[in-house]
């Protein structure tokens, strides 16, 4: 149902590097790269994340309560994505752990521009 999610960034090169490196083990790369927006994903036919310089040319602002949740497939993969994001310059916004017993496991970071990401698995 979701085609892509867009997050505003302040530095396109940094954002493309961060998301491409973070998601490359999931088969993602920059699929479309235009001047002020780039799409990172597996293909144009699957959901992607887009990074962009805001259209109004004003500074980007991460939304309070906005978050991009990336299905990790397993708790181990959620842990690995969390660690890789931190290595790439993200900051911790909630260490990996079981949030709801037997229902939801998640890890949370903020990308270099402050956008919140979750790496999760149900179960």
PDB file of N, CA and C in Angstrom:
ATOM      1  N   UNK A   1       0.805  -1.184   0.000  1.00  0.00           N
ATOM      2  CA  UNK A   1       0.000   0.000   0.000  1.00  0.00           C
ATOM      3  C   UNK A   1       0.856   1.259   0.000  1.00  0.00           C
ATOM      4  N   UNK A   2       1.951   1.291   0.727  1.00  0.00           N
ATOM      5  CA  UNK A   2       2.801   2.472   0.752  1.00  0.00           C
ATOM      6  C   UNK A   2       3.817   2.364  -0.379  1.00  0.00           C
ATOM      7  N   UNK A   3       3.908   3.407  -1.203  1.00  0.00           N
ATOM      8  CA  UNK A   3       4.873   3.442  -2.296  1.00  0.00           C
ATOM      9  C   UNK A   3       6.226   3.929  -1.836  1.00  0.00           C
ATOM     10  N   UNK A   4       6.215   5.041  -1.080  1.00  0.00           N
ATOM     11  CA  UNK A   4       7.448   5.553  -0.501  1.00  0.00           C
ATOM     12  C   UNK A   4       7.121   6.518   0.622  1.00  0.00           C
ATOM     13  N   UNK A   5       8.096   6.717   1.482  1.00  0.00           N
ATOM     14  CA  UNK A   5       8.025   7.663   2.581  1.00  0.00           C
ATOM     15  C   UNK A   5       9.164   8.647   2.359  1.00  0.00           C
ATOM     16  N   UNK A   6       8.894   9.934   2.538  1.00  0.00           N
ATOM     17  CA  UNK A   6       9.911  10.960   2.325  1.00  0.00           C
ATOM     18  C   UNK A   6      10.326  11.579   3.652  1.00  0.00           C
ATOM     19  N   UNK A   7      11.625  11.763   3.831  1.00  0.00           N
ATOM     20  CA  UNK A   7      12.143  12.501   4.980  1.00  0.00           C
ATOM     21  C   UNK A   7      12.973  13.664   4.458  1.00  0.00           C
ATOM     22  N   UNK A   8      12.811  14.807   5.104  1.00  0.00           N
ATOM     23  CA  UNK A   8      13.582  15.982   4.738  1.00  0.00           C
ATOM     24  C   UNK A   8      14.978  15.903   5.319  1.00  0.00           C
ATOM     25  N   UNK A   9      15.950  16.334   4.532  1.00  0.00           N
ATOM     26  CA  UNK A   9      17.348  16.294   4.962  1.00  0.00           C
ATOM     27  C   UNK A   9      18.024  17.629   4.657  1.00  0.00           C
ATOM     28  N   UNK A  10      19.181  17.827   5.250  1.00  0.00           N
ATOM     29  CA  UNK A  10      19.934  19.055   5.018  1.00  0.00           C
ATOM     30  C   UNK A  10      21.128  18.838   4.100  1.00  0.00           C
ATOM     31  N   UNK A  11      21.540  17.586   3.919  1.00  0.00           N
ATOM     32  CA  UNK A  11      22.722  17.265   3.119  1.00  0.00           C
ATOM     33  C   UNK A  11      22.416  16.006   2.316  1.00  0.00           C
ATOM     34  N   UNK A  12      22.166  16.168   1.019  1.00  0.00           N
ATOM     35  CA  UNK A  12      21.767  15.030   0.179  1.00  0.00           C
ATOM     36  C   UNK A  12      22.836  13.942   0.124  1.00  0.00           C
ATOM     37  N   UNK A  13      24.088  14.320  -0.056  1.00  0.00           N
ATOM     38  CA  UNK A  13      25.136  13.303  -0.142  1.00  0.00           C
ATOM     39  C   UNK A  13      25.222  12.484   1.134  1.00  0.00           C
ATOM     40  N   UNK A  14      25.175  13.155   2.274  1.00  0.00           N
ATOM     41  CA  UNK A  14      25.229  12.447   3.561  1.00  0.00           C
ATOM     42  C   UNK A  14      24.024  11.523   3.711  1.00  0.00           C
ATOM     43  N   UNK A  15      22.836  12.000   3.352  1.00  0.00           N
ATOM     44  CA  UNK A  15      21.615  11.202   3.488  1.00  0.00           C
ATOM     45  C   UNK A  15      21.634   9.990   2.562  1.00  0.00           C
ATOM     46  N   UNK A  16      22.046  10.173   1.322  1.00  0.00           N
ATOM     47  CA  UNK A  16      22.105   9.042   0.383  1.00  0.00           C
ATOM     48  C   UNK A  16      23.093   8.003   0.870  1.00  0.00           C
ATOM     49  N   UNK A  17      24.237   8.450   1.374  1.00  0.00           N
ATOM     50  CA  UNK A  17      25.226   7.511   1.901  1.00  0.00           C
ATOM     51  C   UNK A  17      24.678   6.777   3.118  1.00  0.00           C
ATOM     52  N   UNK A  18      24.083   7.514   4.062  1.00  0.00           N
ATOM     53  CA  UNK A  18      23.552   6.907   5.277  1.00  0.00           C
ATOM     54  C   UNK A  18      22.524   5.816   4.937  1.00  0.00           C
ATOM     55  N   UNK A  19      21.503   6.150   4.156  1.00  0.00           N
ATOM     56  CA  UNK A  19      20.433   5.193   3.881  1.00  0.00           C
ATOM     57  C   UNK A  19      20.881   4.072   2.948  1.00  0.00           C
ATOM     58  N   UNK A  20      21.729   4.361   1.974  1.00  0.00           N
ATOM     59  CA  UNK A  20      22.228   3.302   1.086  1.00  0.00           C
ATOM     60  C   UNK A  20      23.053   2.289   1.857  1.00  0.00           C
ATOM     61  N   UNK A  21      23.957   2.774   2.713  1.00  0.00           N
ATOM     62  CA  UNK A  21      24.781   1.865   3.511  1.00  0.00           C
ATOM     63  C   UNK A  21      23.945   1.106   4.540  1.00  0.00           C
ATOM     64  N   UNK A  22      23.015   1.811   5.178  1.00  0.00           N
ATOM     65  CA  UNK A  22      22.179   1.189   6.198  1.00  0.00           C
ATOM     66  C   UNK A  22      21.353   0.047   5.620  1.00  0.00           C
ATOM     67  N   UNK A  23      20.800   0.231   4.433  1.00  0.00           N
ATOM     68  CA  UNK A  23      19.845  -0.724   3.878  1.00  0.00           C
ATOM     69  C   UNK A  23      20.411  -1.630   2.784  1.00  0.00           C
ATOM     70  N   UNK A  24      21.700  -1.534   2.498  1.00  0.00           N
ATOM     71  CA  UNK A  24      22.249  -2.329   1.396  1.00  0.00           C
ATOM     72  C   UNK A  24      22.163  -3.832   1.643  1.00  0.00           C
ATOM     73  N   UNK A  25      22.288  -4.288   2.891  1.00  0.00           N
ATOM     74  CA  UNK A  25      22.188  -5.719   3.173  1.00  0.00           C
ATOM     75  C   UNK A  25      20.767  -6.245   2.971  1.00  0.00           C
ATOM     76  N   UNK A  26      19.798  -5.329   2.856  1.00  0.00           N
ATOM     77  CA  UNK A  26      18.417  -5.706   2.558  1.00  0.00           C
ATOM     78  C   UNK A  26      18.152  -5.631   1.054  1.00  0.00           C
ATOM     79  N   UNK A  27      19.202  -5.332   0.282  1.00  0.00           N
ATOM     80  CA  UNK A  27      19.076  -5.265  -1.173  1.00  0.00           C
ATOM     81  C   UNK A  27      18.705  -3.893  -1.702  1.00  0.00           C
ATOM     82  N   UNK A  28      18.772  -2.865  -0.859  1.00  0.00           N
ATOM     83  CA  UNK A  28      18.372  -1.524  -1.276  1.00  0.00           C
ATOM     84  C   UNK A  28      19.565  -0.709  -1.763  1.00  0.00           C
ATOM     85  N   UNK A  29      19.275   0.202  -2.679  1.00  0.00           N
ATOM     86  CA  UNK A  29      20.266   1.154  -3.176  1.00  0.00           C
ATOM     87  C   UNK A  29      19.500   2.364  -3.709  1.00  0.00           C
ATOM     88  N   UNK A  30      20.219   3.380  -4.140  1.00  0.00           N
ATOM     89  CA  UNK A  30      19.562   4.539  -4.738  1.00  0.00           C
ATOM     90  C   UNK A  30      19.002   4.093  -6.088  1.00  0.00           C
ATOM     91  N   UNK A  31      17.681   4.156  -6.221  1.00  0.00           N
ATOM     92  CA  UNK A  31      17.037   3.725  -7.460  1.00  0.00           C
ATOM     93  C   UNK A  31      16.775   4.888  -8.410  1.00  0.00           C
ATOM     94  N   UNK A  32      16.518   6.058  -7.854  1.00  0.00           N
ATOM     95  CA  UNK A  32      16.322   7.278  -8.642  1.00  0.00           C
ATOM     96  C   UNK A  32      17.021   8.398  -7.895  1.00  0.00           C
ATOM     97  N   UNK A  33      17.822   9.173  -8.615  1.00  0.00           N
ATOM     98  CA  UNK A  33      18.566  10.268  -7.998  1.00  0.00           C
ATOM     99  C   UNK A  33      18.373  11.528  -8.823  1.00  0.00           C
ATOM    100  N   UNK A  34      17.520  12.414  -8.327  1.00  0.00           N
ATOM    101  CA  UNK A  34      17.297  13.698  -8.964  1.00  0.00           C
ATOM    102  C   UNK A  34      17.921  14.757  -8.067  1.00  0.00           C
ATOM    103  N   UNK A  35      18.058  15.928  -8.529  1.00  0.00           N
ATOM    104  CA  UNK A  35      18.808  16.964  -7.836  1.00  0.00           C
ATOM    105  C   UNK A  35      18.452  17.101  -6.358  1.00  0.00           C
ATOM    106  N   UNK A  36      17.199  17.287  -6.021  1.00  0.00           N
ATOM    107  CA  UNK A  36      16.828  17.551  -4.631  1.00  0.00           C
ATOM    108  C   UNK A  36      16.114  16.386  -3.961  1.00  0.00           C
ATOM    109  N   UNK A  37      15.965  15.263  -4.664  1.00  0.00           N
ATOM    110  CA  UNK A  37      15.313  14.091  -4.073  1.00  0.00           C
ATOM    111  C   UNK A  37      15.954  12.821  -4.629  1.00  0.00           C
ATOM    112  N   UNK A  38      16.093  11.823  -3.760  1.00  0.00           N
ATOM    113  CA  UNK A  38      16.602  10.512  -4.173  1.00  0.00           C
ATOM    114  C   UNK A  38      15.759   9.441  -3.494  1.00  0.00           C
ATOM    115  N   UNK A  39      15.519   8.352  -4.217  1.00  0.00           N
ATOM    116  CA  UNK A  39      14.733   7.233  -3.714  1.00  0.00           C
ATOM    117  C   UNK A  39      15.659   6.051  -3.465  1.00  0.00           C
ATOM    118  N   UNK A  40      15.544   5.451  -2.275  1.00  0.00           N
ATOM    119  CA  UNK A  40      16.366   4.304  -1.907  1.00  0.00           C
ATOM    120  C   UNK A  40      15.430   3.126  -1.684  1.00  0.00           C
ATOM    121  N   UNK A  41      15.703   2.021  -2.375  1.00  0.00           N
ATOM    122  CA  UNK A  41      14.870   0.834  -2.240  1.00  0.00           C
ATOM    123  C   UNK A  41      15.422  -0.299  -3.073  1.00  0.00           C
ATOM    124  N   UNK A  42      14.616  -1.349  -3.175  1.00  0.00           N
ATOM    125  CA  UNK A  42      15.012  -2.510  -3.980  1.00  0.00           C
ATOM    126  C   UNK A  42      14.659  -2.311  -5.446  1.00  0.00           C
ATOM    127  N   UNK A  43      13.494  -1.706  -5.691  1.00  0.00           N
ATOM    128  CA  UNK A  43      13.046  -1.434  -7.057  1.00  0.00           C
ATOM    129  C   UNK A  43      11.932  -0.402  -7.001  1.00  0.00           C
ATOM    130  N   UNK A  44      11.601   0.152  -8.149  1.00  0.00           N
ATOM    131  CA  UNK A  44      10.523   1.138  -8.219  1.00  0.00           C
ATOM    132  C   UNK A  44       9.160   0.496  -7.936  1.00  0.00           C
ATOM    133  N   UNK A  45       9.091  -0.818  -7.985  1.00  0.00           N
ATOM    134  CA  UNK A  45       7.832  -1.528  -7.768  1.00  0.00           C
ATOM    135  C   UNK A  45       7.591  -1.879  -6.297  1.00  0.00           C
ATOM    136  N   UNK A  46       8.565  -1.610  -5.429  1.00  0.00           N
ATOM    137  CA  UNK A  46       8.447  -1.925  -4.010  1.00  0.00           C
ATOM    138  C   UNK A  46       8.548  -0.649  -3.182  1.00  0.00           C
ATOM    139  N   UNK A  47       8.075  -0.673  -1.936  1.00  0.00           N
ATOM    140  CA  UNK A  47       8.163   0.525  -1.094  1.00  0.00           C
ATOM    141  C   UNK A  47       9.606   1.019  -0.964  1.00  0.00           C
ATOM    142  N   UNK A  48       9.747   2.347  -0.936  1.00  0.00           N
ATOM    143  CA  UNK A  48      11.064   2.973  -0.852  1.00  0.00           C
ATOM    144  C   UNK A  48      11.043   4.079   0.198  1.00  0.00           C
ATOM    145  N   UNK A  49      12.236   4.542   0.543  1.00  0.00           N
ATOM    146  CA  UNK A  49      12.372   5.749   1.350  1.00  0.00           C
ATOM    147  C   UNK A  49      13.000   6.799   0.439  1.00  0.00           C
ATOM    148  N   UNK A  50      12.460   7.993   0.492  1.00  0.00           N
ATOM    149  CA  UNK A  50      13.010   9.099  -0.293  1.00  0.00           C
ATOM    150  C   UNK A  50      13.626  10.106   0.670  1.00  0.00           C
ATOM    151  N   UNK A  51      14.767  10.646   0.290  1.00  0.00           N
ATOM    152  CA  UNK A  51      15.401  11.727   1.037  1.00  0.00           C
ATOM    153  C   UNK A  51      15.360  12.958   0.148  1.00  0.00           C
ATOM    154  N   UNK A  52      15.023  14.097   0.733  1.00  0.00           N
ATOM    155  CA  UNK A  52      14.915  15.282  -0.114  1.00  0.00           C
ATOM    156  C   UNK A  52      15.240  16.557   0.640  1.00  0.00           C
ATOM    157  N   UNK A  53      15.698  17.524  -0.131  1.00  0.00           N
ATOM    158  CA  UNK A  53      15.808  18.892   0.364  1.00  0.00           C
ATOM    159  C   UNK A  53      14.405  19.473   0.257  1.00  0.00           C
ATOM    160  N   UNK A  54      13.861  20.091   1.305  1.00  0.00           N
ATOM    161  CA  UNK A  54      12.491  20.585   1.263  1.00  0.00           C
ATOM    162  C   UNK A  54      12.228  21.486   0.051  1.00  0.00           C
ATOM    163  N   UNK A  55      11.067  21.280  -0.563  1.00  0.00           N
ATOM    164  CA  UNK A  55      10.664  22.009  -1.769  1.00  0.00           C
ATOM    165  C   UNK A  55      10.627  23.511  -1.542  1.00  0.00           C
ATOM    166  N   UNK A  56      10.218  23.934  -0.346  1.00  0.00           N
ATOM    167  CA  UNK A  56      10.093  25.368  -0.073  1.00  0.00           C
ATOM    168  C   UNK A  56      11.436  26.030   0.229  1.00  0.00           C
ATOM    169  N   UNK A  57      12.510  25.251   0.154  1.00  0.00           N
ATOM    170  CA  UNK A  57      13.877  25.719   0.384  1.00  0.00           C
ATOM    171  C   UNK A  57      14.130  26.217   1.808  1.00  0.00           C
ATOM    172  N   UNK A  58      13.211  25.923   2.718  1.00  0.00           N
ATOM    173  CA  UNK A  58      13.393  26.227   4.133  1.00  0.00           C
ATOM    174  C   UNK A  58      14.131  25.052   4.773  1.00  0.00           C
ATOM    175  N   UNK A  59      14.703  25.241   5.974  1.00  0.00           N
ATOM    176  CA  UNK A  59      15.402  24.135   6.639  1.00  0.00           C
ATOM    177  C   UNK A  59      14.461  22.950   6.907  1.00  0.00           C
ATOM    178  N   UNK A  60      15.029  21.747   6.827  1.00  0.00           N
ATOM    179  CA  UNK A  60      14.239  20.556   7.155  1.00  0.00           C
ATOM    180  C   UNK A  60      13.975  20.519   8.658  1.00  0.00           C
ATOM    181  N   UNK A  61      12.848  19.918   9.043  1.00  0.00           N
ATOM    182  CA  UNK A  61      12.487  19.750  10.450  1.00  0.00           C
ATOM    183  C   UNK A  61      11.873  18.367  10.631  1.00  0.00           C
ATOM    184  N   UNK A  62      12.503  17.498  11.401  1.00  0.00           N
ATOM    185  CA  UNK A  62      11.883  16.203  11.680  1.00  0.00           C
ATOM    186  C   UNK A  62      10.566  16.409  12.431  1.00  0.00           C
ATOM    187  N   UNK A  63       9.547  15.673  12.076  1.00  0.00           N
ATOM    188  CA  UNK A  63       8.254  15.804  12.732  1.00  0.00           C
ATOM    189  C   UNK A  63       8.231  15.098  14.075  1.00  0.00           C
ATOM    190  N   UNK A  64       7.619  15.733  15.056  1.00  0.00           N
ATOM    191  CA  UNK A  64       7.461  15.117  16.365  1.00  0.00           C
ATOM    192  C   UNK A  64       6.339  14.092  16.262  1.00  0.00           C
ATOM    193  N   UNK A  65       6.668  12.837  16.449  1.00  0.00           N
ATOM    194  CA  UNK A  65       5.698  11.765  16.313  1.00  0.00           C
ATOM    195  C   UNK A  65       5.793  11.053  14.976  1.00  0.00           C
ATOM    196  N   UNK A  66       6.514  11.620  14.007  1.00  0.00           N
ATOM    197  CA  UNK A  66       6.719  10.952  12.719  1.00  0.00           C
ATOM    198  C   UNK A  66       7.852   9.950  12.862  1.00  0.00           C
ATOM    199  N   UNK A  67       7.706   8.823  12.171  1.00  0.00           N
ATOM    200  CA  UNK A  67       8.730   7.793  12.249  1.00  0.00           C
ATOM    201  C   UNK A  67       8.614   6.898  11.030  1.00  0.00           C
ATOM    202  N   UNK A  68       9.739   6.447  10.523  1.00  0.00           N
ATOM    203  CA  UNK A  68       9.767   5.452   9.462  1.00  0.00           C
ATOM    204  C   UNK A  68      10.128   4.134  10.127  1.00  0.00           C
ATOM    205  N   UNK A  69       9.253   3.125   9.995  1.00  0.00           N
ATOM    206  CA  UNK A  69       9.484   1.818  10.605  1.00  0.00           C
ATOM    207  C   UNK A  69       9.902   0.832   9.516  1.00  0.00           C
ATOM    208  N   UNK A  70      11.059   0.211   9.721  1.00  0.00           N
ATOM    209  CA  UNK A  70      11.623  -0.713   8.750  1.00  0.00           C
ATOM    210  C   UNK A  70      11.547  -2.126   9.316  1.00  0.00           C
ATOM    211  N   UNK A  71      10.835  -2.993   8.610  1.00  0.00           N
ATOM    212  CA  UNK A  71      10.689  -4.377   9.048  1.00  0.00           C
ATOM    213  C   UNK A  71      12.039  -5.077   8.940  1.00  0.00           C
ATOM    214  N   UNK A  72      12.534  -5.553  10.071  1.00  0.00           N
ATOM    215  CA  UNK A  72      13.866  -6.165  10.125  1.00  0.00           C
ATOM    216  C   UNK A  72      13.837  -7.660   9.824  1.00  0.00           C
ATOM    217  N   UNK A  73      12.706  -8.306   9.992  1.00  0.00           N
ATOM    218  CA  UNK A  73      12.612  -9.739   9.725  1.00  0.00           C
ATOM    219  C   UNK A  73      12.958 -10.629  10.898  1.00  0.00           C
ATOM    220  N   UNK A  74      13.831 -10.153  11.773  1.00  0.00           N
ATOM    221  CA  UNK A  74      14.195 -10.920  12.969  1.00  0.00           C
ATOM    222  C   UNK A  74      14.753  -9.957  14.009  1.00  0.00           C
ATOM    223  N   UNK A  75      14.779 -10.415  15.247  1.00  0.00           N
ATOM    224  CA  UNK A  75      15.352  -9.605  16.321  1.00  0.00           C
ATOM    225  C   UNK A  75      16.836  -9.353  16.072  1.00  0.00           C
ATOM    226  N   UNK A  76      17.525 -10.367  15.557  1.00  0.00           N
ATOM    227  CA  UNK A  76      18.955 -10.226  15.269  1.00  0.00           C
ATOM    228  C   UNK A  76      19.183  -9.166  14.189  1.00  0.00           C
ATOM    229  N   UNK A  77      18.326  -9.149  13.177  1.00  0.00           N
ATOM    230  CA  UNK A  77      18.459  -8.137  12.129  1.00  0.00           C
ATOM    231  C   UNK A  77      18.119  -6.746  12.657  1.00  0.00           C
ATOM    232  N   UNK A  78      17.154  -6.644  13.554  1.00  0.00           N
ATOM    233  CA  UNK A  78      16.831  -5.353  14.166  1.00  0.00           C
ATOM    234  C   UNK A  78      18.040  -4.836  14.939  1.00  0.00           C
ATOM    235  N   UNK A  79      18.680  -5.729  15.688  1.00  0.00           N
ATOM    236  CA  UNK A  79      19.883  -5.357  16.433  1.00  0.00           C
ATOM    237  C   UNK A  79      20.991  -4.902  15.481  1.00  0.00           C
ATOM    238  N   UNK A  80      21.166  -5.638  14.379  1.00  0.00           N
ATOM    239  CA  UNK A  80      22.221  -5.317  13.417  1.00  0.00           C
ATOM    240  C   UNK A  80      21.957  -3.980  12.727  1.00  0.00           C
ATOM    241  N   UNK A  81      20.713  -3.723  12.347  1.00  0.00           N
ATOM    242  CA  UNK A  81      20.379  -2.447  11.718  1.00  0.00           C
ATOM    243  C   UNK A  81      20.594  -1.290  12.683  1.00  0.00           C
ATOM    244  N   UNK A  82      20.209  -1.491  13.926  1.00  0.00           N
ATOM    245  CA  UNK A  82      20.419  -0.472  14.958  1.00  0.00           C
ATOM    246  C   UNK A  82      21.919  -0.164  15.079  1.00  0.00           C
ATOM    247  N   UNK A  83      22.738  -1.204  15.209  1.00  0.00           N
ATOM    248  CA  UNK A  83      24.184  -1.026  15.371  1.00  0.00           C
ATOM    249  C   UNK A  83      24.787  -0.342  14.141  1.00  0.00           C
ATOM    250  N   UNK A  84      24.343  -0.740  12.954  1.00  0.00           N
ATOM    251  CA  UNK A  84      24.872  -0.146  11.733  1.00  0.00           C
ATOM    252  C   UNK A  84      24.479   1.326  11.636  1.00  0.00           C
ATOM    253  N   UNK A  85      23.241   1.645  12.003  1.00  0.00           N
ATOM    254  CA  UNK A  85      22.791   3.041  11.968  1.00  0.00           C
ATOM    255  C   UNK A  85      23.649   3.897  12.903  1.00  0.00           C
ATOM    256  N   UNK A  86      23.916   3.397  14.109  1.00  0.00           N
ATOM    257  CA  UNK A  86      24.749   4.126  15.063  1.00  0.00           C
ATOM    258  C   UNK A  86      26.147   4.319  14.479  1.00  0.00           C
ATOM    259  N   UNK A  87      26.688   3.267  13.874  1.00  0.00           N
ATOM    260  CA  UNK A  87      28.010   3.333  13.246  1.00  0.00           C
ATOM    261  C   UNK A  87      28.047   4.384  12.134  1.00  0.00           C
ATOM    262  N   UNK A  88      26.922   4.554  11.428  1.00  0.00           N
ATOM    263  CA  UNK A  88      26.843   5.501  10.310  1.00  0.00           C
ATOM    264  C   UNK A  88      26.519   6.929  10.750  1.00  0.00           C
ATOM    265  N   UNK A  89      26.382   7.155  12.056  1.00  0.00           N
ATOM    266  CA  UNK A  89      26.172   8.506  12.542  1.00  0.00           C
ATOM    267  C   UNK A  89      24.812   8.796  13.140  1.00  0.00           C
ATOM    268  N   UNK A  90      23.958   7.788  13.237  1.00  0.00           N
ATOM    269  CA  UNK A  90      22.661   7.975  13.891  1.00  0.00           C
ATOM    270  C   UNK A  90      22.861   8.061  15.403  1.00  0.00           C
ATOM    271  N   UNK A  91      21.849   8.550  16.102  1.00  0.00           N
ATOM    272  CA  UNK A  91      21.878   8.580  17.562  1.00  0.00           C
ATOM    273  C   UNK A  91      20.781   7.673  18.097  1.00  0.00           C
ATOM    274  N   UNK A  92      21.021   7.120  19.259  1.00  0.00           N
ATOM    275  CA  UNK A  92      20.069   6.211  19.889  1.00  0.00           C
ATOM    276  C   UNK A  92      18.809   6.967  20.310  1.00  0.00           C
ATOM    277  N   UNK A  93      17.665   6.370  20.011  1.00  0.00           N
ATOM    278  CA  UNK A  93      16.394   6.900  20.494  1.00  0.00           C
ATOM    279  C   UNK A  93      15.595   5.789  21.174  1.00  0.00           C
ATOM    280  N   UNK A  94      16.294   4.690  21.503  1.00  0.00           N
ATOM    281  CA  UNK A  94      15.700   3.551  22.196  1.00  0.00           C
ATOM    282  C   UNK A  94      16.427   2.280  21.809  1.00  0.00           C
ATOM    283  N   UNK A  95      17.239   1.767  22.706  1.00  0.00           N
ATOM    284  CA  UNK A  95      18.026   0.570  22.409  1.00  0.00           C
ATOM    285  C   UNK A  95      17.126  -0.606  22.053  1.00  0.00           C
ATOM    286  N   UNK A  96      17.655  -1.587  21.289  1.00  0.00           N
ATOM    287  CA  UNK A  96      16.872  -2.753  20.916  1.00  0.00           C
ATOM    288  C   UNK A  96      16.311  -3.473  22.135  1.00  0.00           C
ATOM    289  N   UNK A  97      15.071  -3.924  22.005  1.00  0.00           N
ATOM    290  CA  UNK A  97      14.466  -4.678  23.093  1.00  0.00           C
ATOM    291  C   UNK A  97      13.027  -5.037  22.825  1.00  0.00           C
ATOM    292  N   UNK A  98      12.542  -5.964  23.631  1.00  0.00           N
ATOM    293  CA  UNK A  98      11.146  -6.401  23.551  1.00  0.00           C
ATOM    294  C   UNK A  98      10.282  -5.316  24.169  1.00  0.00           C
ATOM    295  N   UNK A  99       9.436  -4.699  23.399  1.00  0.00           N
ATOM    296  CA  UNK A  99       8.593  -3.599  23.879  1.00  0.00           C
ATOM    297  C   UNK A  99       7.264  -4.112  24.429  1.00  0.00           C
ATOM    298  N   UNK A 100       6.673  -5.066  23.712  1.00  0.00           N
ATOM    299  CA  UNK A 100       5.424  -5.691  24.153  1.00  0.00           C
ATOM    300  C   UNK A 100       5.694  -7.193  24.148  1.00  0.00           C
ATOM    301  N   UNK A 101       5.629  -7.846  25.313  1.00  0.00           N
ATOM    302  CA  UNK A 101       5.975  -9.263  25.385  1.00  0.00           C
ATOM    303  C   UNK A 101       5.256 -10.105  24.321  1.00  0.00           C
ATOM    304  N   UNK A 102       6.054 -10.895  23.588  1.00  0.00           N
ATOM    305  CA  UNK A 102       5.563 -11.811  22.556  1.00  0.00           C
ATOM    306  C   UNK A 102       4.839 -11.123  21.407  1.00  0.00           C
ATOM    307  N   UNK A 103       4.914  -9.788  21.311  1.00  0.00           N
ATOM    308  CA  UNK A 103       4.191  -9.075  20.252  1.00  0.00           C
ATOM    309  C   UNK A 103       5.103  -8.179  19.419  1.00  0.00           C
ATOM    310  N   UNK A 104       5.944  -7.380  20.069  1.00  0.00           N
ATOM    311  CA  UNK A 104       6.697  -6.364  19.338  1.00  0.00           C
ATOM    312  C   UNK A 104       8.091  -6.178  19.909  1.00  0.00           C
ATOM    313  N   UNK A 105       9.091  -6.280  19.023  1.00  0.00           N
ATOM    314  CA  UNK A 105      10.489  -6.033  19.351  1.00  0.00           C
ATOM    315  C   UNK A 105      10.943  -4.869  18.486  1.00  0.00           C
ATOM    316  N   UNK A 106      11.608  -3.888  19.083  1.00  0.00           N
ATOM    317  CA  UNK A 106      12.009  -2.730  18.292  1.00  0.00           C
ATOM    318  C   UNK A 106      13.273  -2.071  18.786  1.00  0.00           C
ATOM    319  N   UNK A 107      13.882  -1.317  17.877  1.00  0.00           N
ATOM    320  CA  UNK A 107      15.059  -0.500  18.158  1.00  0.00           C
ATOM    321  C   UNK A 107      14.849   0.825  17.448  1.00  0.00           C
ATOM    322  N   UNK A 108      15.274   1.917  18.067  1.00  0.00           N
ATOM    323  CA  UNK A 108      14.971   3.246  17.545  1.00  0.00           C
ATOM    324  C   UNK A 108      16.228   4.105  17.449  1.00  0.00           C
ATOM    325  N   UNK A 109      16.348   4.829  16.336  1.00  0.00           N
ATOM    326  CA  UNK A 109      17.450   5.764  16.135  1.00  0.00           C
ATOM    327  C   UNK A 109      16.921   7.041  15.494  1.00  0.00           C
ATOM    328  N   UNK A 110      17.755   8.053  15.533  1.00  0.00           N
ATOM    329  CA  UNK A 110      17.528   9.289  14.779  1.00  0.00           C
ATOM    330  C   UNK A 110      18.655   9.389  13.766  1.00  0.00           C
ATOM    331  N   UNK A 111      18.294   9.585  12.497  1.00  0.00           N
ATOM    332  CA  UNK A 111      19.316   9.715  11.456  1.00  0.00           C
ATOM    333  C   UNK A 111      20.099  11.011  11.656  1.00  0.00           C
ATOM    334  N   UNK A 112      21.132  11.264  10.860  1.00  0.00           N
ATOM    335  CA  UNK A 112      21.932  12.474  11.072  1.00  0.00           C
ATOM    336  C   UNK A 112      21.150  13.791  10.989  1.00  0.00           C
ATOM    337  N   UNK A 113      19.959  13.779  10.393  1.00  0.00           N
ATOM    338  CA  UNK A 113      19.120  14.978  10.339  1.00  0.00           C
ATOM    339  C   UNK A 113      18.045  14.996  11.414  1.00  0.00           C
ATOM    340  N   UNK A 114      18.014  13.968  12.267  1.00  0.00           N
ATOM    341  CA  UNK A 114      17.038  13.928  13.355  1.00  0.00           C
ATOM    342  C   UNK A 114      15.761  13.178  13.053  1.00  0.00           C
ATOM    343  N   UNK A 115      15.642  12.576  11.850  1.00  0.00           N
ATOM    344  CA  UNK A 115      14.454  11.796  11.517  1.00  0.00           C
ATOM    345  C   UNK A 115      14.476  10.478  12.284  1.00  0.00           C
ATOM    346  N   UNK A 116      13.334  10.099  12.845  1.00  0.00           N
ATOM    347  CA  UNK A 116      13.262   8.900  13.674  1.00  0.00           C
ATOM    348  C   UNK A 116      12.995   7.670  12.816  1.00  0.00           C
ATOM    349  N   UNK A 117      13.769   6.611  13.098  1.00  0.00           N
ATOM    350  CA  UNK A 117      13.624   5.325  12.438  1.00  0.00           C
ATOM    351  C   UNK A 117      13.403   4.254  13.485  1.00  0.00           C
ATOM    352  N   UNK A 118      12.603   3.262  13.130  1.00  0.00           N
ATOM    353  CA  UNK A 118      12.441   2.073  13.967  1.00  0.00           C
ATOM    354  C   UNK A 118      12.805   0.852  13.133  1.00  0.00           C
ATOM    355  N   UNK A 119      13.476  -0.090  13.747  1.00  0.00           N
ATOM    356  CA  UNK A 119      13.756  -1.394  13.153  1.00  0.00           C
ATOM    357  C   UNK A 119      12.984  -2.380  14.014  1.00  0.00           C
ATOM    358  N   UNK A 120      12.055  -3.093  13.421  1.00  0.00           N
ATOM    359  CA  UNK A 120      11.123  -3.868  14.245  1.00  0.00           C
ATOM    360  C   UNK A 120      10.870  -5.261  13.684  1.00  0.00           C
ATOM    361  N   UNK A 121      10.315  -6.087  14.552  1.00  0.00           N
ATOM    362  CA  UNK A 121       9.774  -7.387  14.182  1.00  0.00           C
ATOM    363  C   UNK A 121       8.608  -7.668  15.112  1.00  0.00           C
ATOM    364  N   UNK A 122       7.538  -8.189  14.548  1.00  0.00           N
ATOM    365  CA  UNK A 122       6.408  -8.609  15.391  1.00  0.00           C
ATOM    366  C   UNK A 122       6.719 -10.001  15.920  1.00  0.00           C
ATOM    367  N   UNK A 123       6.507 -10.172  17.197  1.00  0.00           N
ATOM    368  CA  UNK A 123       6.740 -11.469  17.819  1.00  0.00           C
ATOM    369  C   UNK A 123       7.728 -11.410  18.942  1.00  0.00           C
TER     370      UNK A 123
END
